N, C-alpha and C. Protein backbone atom coordinates (compact mmCIF):
# COMPACT_ATOMS: atom_id res chain seq x y z
N UNK A 1 97.08 45.29 -87.88
CA UNK A 1 96.67 44.18 -87.06
C UNK A 1 96.96 42.89 -87.80
N UNK A 2 97.12 41.82 -87.04
CA UNK A 2 97.45 40.55 -87.65
C UNK A 2 96.20 39.71 -87.90
N UNK A 3 96.36 38.67 -88.70
CA UNK A 3 95.31 37.71 -89.03
C UNK A 3 93.95 38.34 -89.27
N UNK A 4 93.30 37.93 -90.32
CA UNK A 4 91.98 38.49 -90.63
C UNK A 4 90.90 37.86 -89.77
N UNK A 5 91.17 36.70 -89.19
CA UNK A 5 90.18 36.03 -88.37
C UNK A 5 90.53 36.19 -86.89
N UNK A 6 90.58 37.43 -86.44
CA UNK A 6 90.94 37.70 -85.05
C UNK A 6 90.25 38.96 -84.54
N UNK A 7 90.21 39.08 -83.23
CA UNK A 7 89.69 40.27 -82.56
C UNK A 7 90.79 40.86 -81.70
N UNK A 8 90.72 42.18 -81.51
CA UNK A 8 91.74 42.89 -80.76
C UNK A 8 91.10 43.80 -79.72
N UNK A 9 91.74 43.87 -78.56
CA UNK A 9 91.40 44.88 -77.54
C UNK A 9 92.50 45.91 -77.63
N UNK A 10 92.13 47.13 -78.01
CA UNK A 10 93.10 48.19 -78.28
C UNK A 10 92.77 49.45 -77.48
N UNK A 11 93.79 50.22 -77.11
CA UNK A 11 93.49 51.52 -76.49
C UNK A 11 92.82 52.42 -77.53
N UNK A 12 91.74 53.09 -77.13
CA UNK A 12 91.02 53.99 -78.03
C UNK A 12 91.83 55.28 -78.20
N UNK A 13 91.56 56.01 -79.28
CA UNK A 13 92.33 57.21 -79.58
C UNK A 13 92.21 58.28 -78.50
N UNK A 14 91.02 58.52 -78.00
CA UNK A 14 90.85 59.58 -77.00
C UNK A 14 90.90 59.04 -75.58
N UNK A 15 90.09 58.04 -75.29
CA UNK A 15 90.10 57.42 -73.96
C UNK A 15 89.39 56.09 -74.02
N UNK A 16 89.64 55.24 -73.05
CA UNK A 16 88.98 53.95 -72.99
C UNK A 16 89.63 52.91 -73.89
N UNK A 17 88.88 51.83 -74.14
CA UNK A 17 89.38 50.68 -74.89
C UNK A 17 88.36 50.24 -75.92
N UNK A 18 88.85 49.81 -77.08
CA UNK A 18 87.98 49.34 -78.16
C UNK A 18 88.18 47.85 -78.40
N UNK A 19 87.11 47.19 -78.80
CA UNK A 19 87.17 45.82 -79.30
C UNK A 19 86.96 45.93 -80.80
N UNK A 20 87.91 45.39 -81.56
CA UNK A 20 87.89 45.57 -83.01
C UNK A 20 88.26 44.27 -83.71
N UNK A 21 87.56 43.95 -84.78
CA UNK A 21 87.91 42.79 -85.59
C UNK A 21 89.00 43.21 -86.57
N UNK A 22 89.93 42.33 -86.85
CA UNK A 22 91.00 42.64 -87.80
C UNK A 22 90.43 43.07 -89.14
N UNK A 23 90.97 44.14 -89.68
CA UNK A 23 90.55 44.64 -90.97
C UNK A 23 89.36 45.58 -90.91
N UNK A 24 88.72 45.71 -89.76
CA UNK A 24 87.55 46.58 -89.62
C UNK A 24 87.99 48.03 -89.45
N UNK A 25 87.21 48.93 -90.00
CA UNK A 25 87.49 50.36 -89.86
C UNK A 25 87.03 50.89 -88.50
N UNK A 26 85.89 50.36 -88.04
CA UNK A 26 85.31 50.85 -86.79
C UNK A 26 85.35 49.77 -85.72
N UNK A 27 85.33 50.21 -84.48
CA UNK A 27 85.32 49.28 -83.35
C UNK A 27 83.96 48.61 -83.24
N UNK A 28 83.96 47.36 -82.80
CA UNK A 28 82.72 46.64 -82.53
C UNK A 28 82.07 47.15 -81.25
N UNK A 29 82.93 47.54 -80.28
CA UNK A 29 82.44 48.02 -79.00
C UNK A 29 83.50 48.92 -78.36
N UNK A 30 83.05 49.78 -77.44
CA UNK A 30 83.95 50.68 -76.72
C UNK A 30 83.66 50.57 -75.23
N UNK A 31 84.72 50.55 -74.40
CA UNK A 31 84.57 50.42 -72.96
C UNK A 31 85.49 51.41 -72.26
N UNK A 32 85.12 51.79 -71.05
CA UNK A 32 85.93 52.71 -70.26
C UNK A 32 87.16 52.02 -69.68
N UNK A 33 87.03 50.73 -69.33
CA UNK A 33 88.14 50.01 -68.74
C UNK A 33 88.61 48.87 -69.63
N UNK A 34 89.88 48.54 -69.49
CA UNK A 34 90.46 47.43 -70.25
C UNK A 34 89.81 46.11 -69.83
N UNK A 35 89.57 45.94 -68.53
CA UNK A 35 88.98 44.71 -68.02
C UNK A 35 87.61 44.44 -68.64
N UNK A 36 86.79 45.49 -68.75
CA UNK A 36 85.47 45.33 -69.37
C UNK A 36 85.59 44.98 -70.85
N UNK A 37 86.55 45.60 -71.52
CA UNK A 37 86.76 45.33 -72.95
C UNK A 37 87.22 43.89 -73.16
N UNK A 38 88.13 43.41 -72.32
CA UNK A 38 88.63 42.04 -72.45
C UNK A 38 87.50 41.04 -72.20
N UNK A 39 86.71 41.31 -71.19
CA UNK A 39 85.59 40.41 -70.86
C UNK A 39 84.62 40.28 -72.04
N UNK A 40 84.25 41.39 -72.65
CA UNK A 40 83.34 41.37 -73.80
C UNK A 40 84.01 40.74 -75.02
N UNK A 41 85.29 41.04 -75.22
CA UNK A 41 86.01 40.51 -76.38
C UNK A 41 86.14 38.99 -76.30
N UNK A 42 86.30 38.44 -75.10
CA UNK A 42 86.38 36.99 -74.93
C UNK A 42 85.08 36.31 -75.37
N UNK A 43 83.97 36.90 -75.01
CA UNK A 43 82.67 36.35 -75.41
C UNK A 43 82.54 36.37 -76.92
N UNK A 44 82.87 37.49 -77.54
CA UNK A 44 82.79 37.62 -79.00
C UNK A 44 83.72 36.62 -79.67
N UNK A 45 84.96 36.54 -79.18
CA UNK A 45 85.96 35.67 -79.77
C UNK A 45 85.57 34.19 -79.65
N UNK A 46 85.03 33.81 -78.51
CA UNK A 46 84.57 32.42 -78.34
C UNK A 46 83.42 32.11 -79.27
N UNK A 47 82.47 33.02 -79.37
CA UNK A 47 81.31 32.79 -80.25
C UNK A 47 81.70 32.67 -81.71
N UNK A 48 82.68 33.47 -82.13
CA UNK A 48 83.08 33.48 -83.54
C UNK A 48 84.31 32.61 -83.80
N UNK A 49 84.82 31.95 -82.76
CA UNK A 49 85.97 31.06 -82.86
C UNK A 49 87.17 31.74 -83.52
N UNK A 50 87.53 32.89 -82.98
CA UNK A 50 88.66 33.66 -83.50
C UNK A 50 89.77 33.75 -82.45
N UNK A 51 90.91 34.24 -82.87
CA UNK A 51 92.00 34.49 -81.95
C UNK A 51 91.80 35.88 -81.35
N UNK A 52 92.13 36.02 -80.07
CA UNK A 52 91.97 37.29 -79.36
C UNK A 52 93.33 37.85 -79.00
N UNK A 53 93.61 39.08 -79.43
CA UNK A 53 94.85 39.77 -79.11
C UNK A 53 94.51 40.92 -78.16
N UNK A 54 95.17 40.94 -77.00
CA UNK A 54 94.96 42.01 -76.03
C UNK A 54 96.22 42.87 -76.02
N UNK A 55 96.05 44.14 -76.39
CA UNK A 55 97.17 45.06 -76.50
C UNK A 55 97.36 45.84 -75.20
N UNK A 56 98.58 46.29 -74.97
CA UNK A 56 98.90 47.16 -73.83
C UNK A 56 98.58 48.60 -74.20
N UNK A 57 98.71 49.49 -73.27
CA UNK A 57 98.41 50.91 -73.48
C UNK A 57 99.29 51.50 -74.58
N UNK A 58 100.50 50.95 -74.78
CA UNK A 58 101.39 51.46 -75.83
C UNK A 58 101.05 50.87 -77.21
N UNK A 59 100.04 50.00 -77.27
CA UNK A 59 99.62 49.42 -78.55
C UNK A 59 100.26 48.08 -78.88
N UNK A 60 101.28 47.69 -78.12
CA UNK A 60 101.94 46.41 -78.37
C UNK A 60 101.10 45.27 -77.81
N UNK A 61 101.18 44.10 -78.42
CA UNK A 61 100.41 42.95 -77.96
C UNK A 61 100.94 42.50 -76.61
N UNK A 62 100.04 42.45 -75.63
CA UNK A 62 100.41 41.99 -74.29
C UNK A 62 100.29 40.48 -74.18
N UNK A 63 99.18 39.94 -74.69
CA UNK A 63 98.97 38.49 -74.71
C UNK A 63 97.87 38.17 -75.69
N UNK A 64 97.72 36.88 -75.97
CA UNK A 64 96.68 36.45 -76.89
C UNK A 64 96.08 35.14 -76.42
N UNK A 65 94.84 34.91 -76.82
CA UNK A 65 94.12 33.67 -76.53
C UNK A 65 93.52 33.18 -77.83
N UNK A 66 93.56 31.88 -78.01
CA UNK A 66 92.97 31.30 -79.22
C UNK A 66 91.66 30.63 -78.87
N UNK A 67 90.62 31.01 -79.55
CA UNK A 67 89.31 30.40 -79.37
C UNK A 67 88.86 29.70 -80.65
N UNK A 68 89.82 29.43 -81.53
CA UNK A 68 89.50 28.79 -82.80
C UNK A 68 89.78 27.31 -82.76
N UNK A 69 89.98 26.73 -83.92
CA UNK A 69 90.26 25.30 -84.03
C UNK A 69 91.75 25.07 -83.93
N UNK A 70 92.23 24.86 -82.72
CA UNK A 70 93.64 24.61 -82.49
C UNK A 70 93.96 23.14 -82.72
N UNK A 71 95.13 22.86 -83.29
CA UNK A 71 95.52 21.46 -83.42
C UNK A 71 95.84 20.88 -82.04
N UNK A 72 95.45 19.64 -81.84
CA UNK A 72 95.78 18.99 -80.58
C UNK A 72 96.45 17.68 -80.89
N UNK A 73 97.58 17.35 -80.37
CA UNK A 73 98.35 18.16 -79.44
C UNK A 73 99.03 19.32 -80.17
N UNK A 74 99.41 20.36 -79.42
CA UNK A 74 100.06 21.51 -80.06
C UNK A 74 101.38 21.11 -80.71
N UNK A 75 101.69 21.78 -81.80
CA UNK A 75 102.96 21.54 -82.48
C UNK A 75 104.09 22.11 -81.63
N UNK A 76 105.22 21.40 -81.57
CA UNK A 76 106.35 21.87 -80.75
C UNK A 76 107.31 22.67 -81.57
């Protein structure tokens, strides 16, 4: 996983979806659906001001959201 200050929504090994902080051995939470996992992960990520990576079923990053201290205006 990338960046130590980030959270990830990942497909779980057996079934469902996990919310996991980068570098953690265990998931913070487990959900049956990806939508539920993303919803919970957004709350966690906003509270802790981290970047959120949402992975596809194949494990590749589908998209990401930043809830940290982004520079404004964004660098081009």
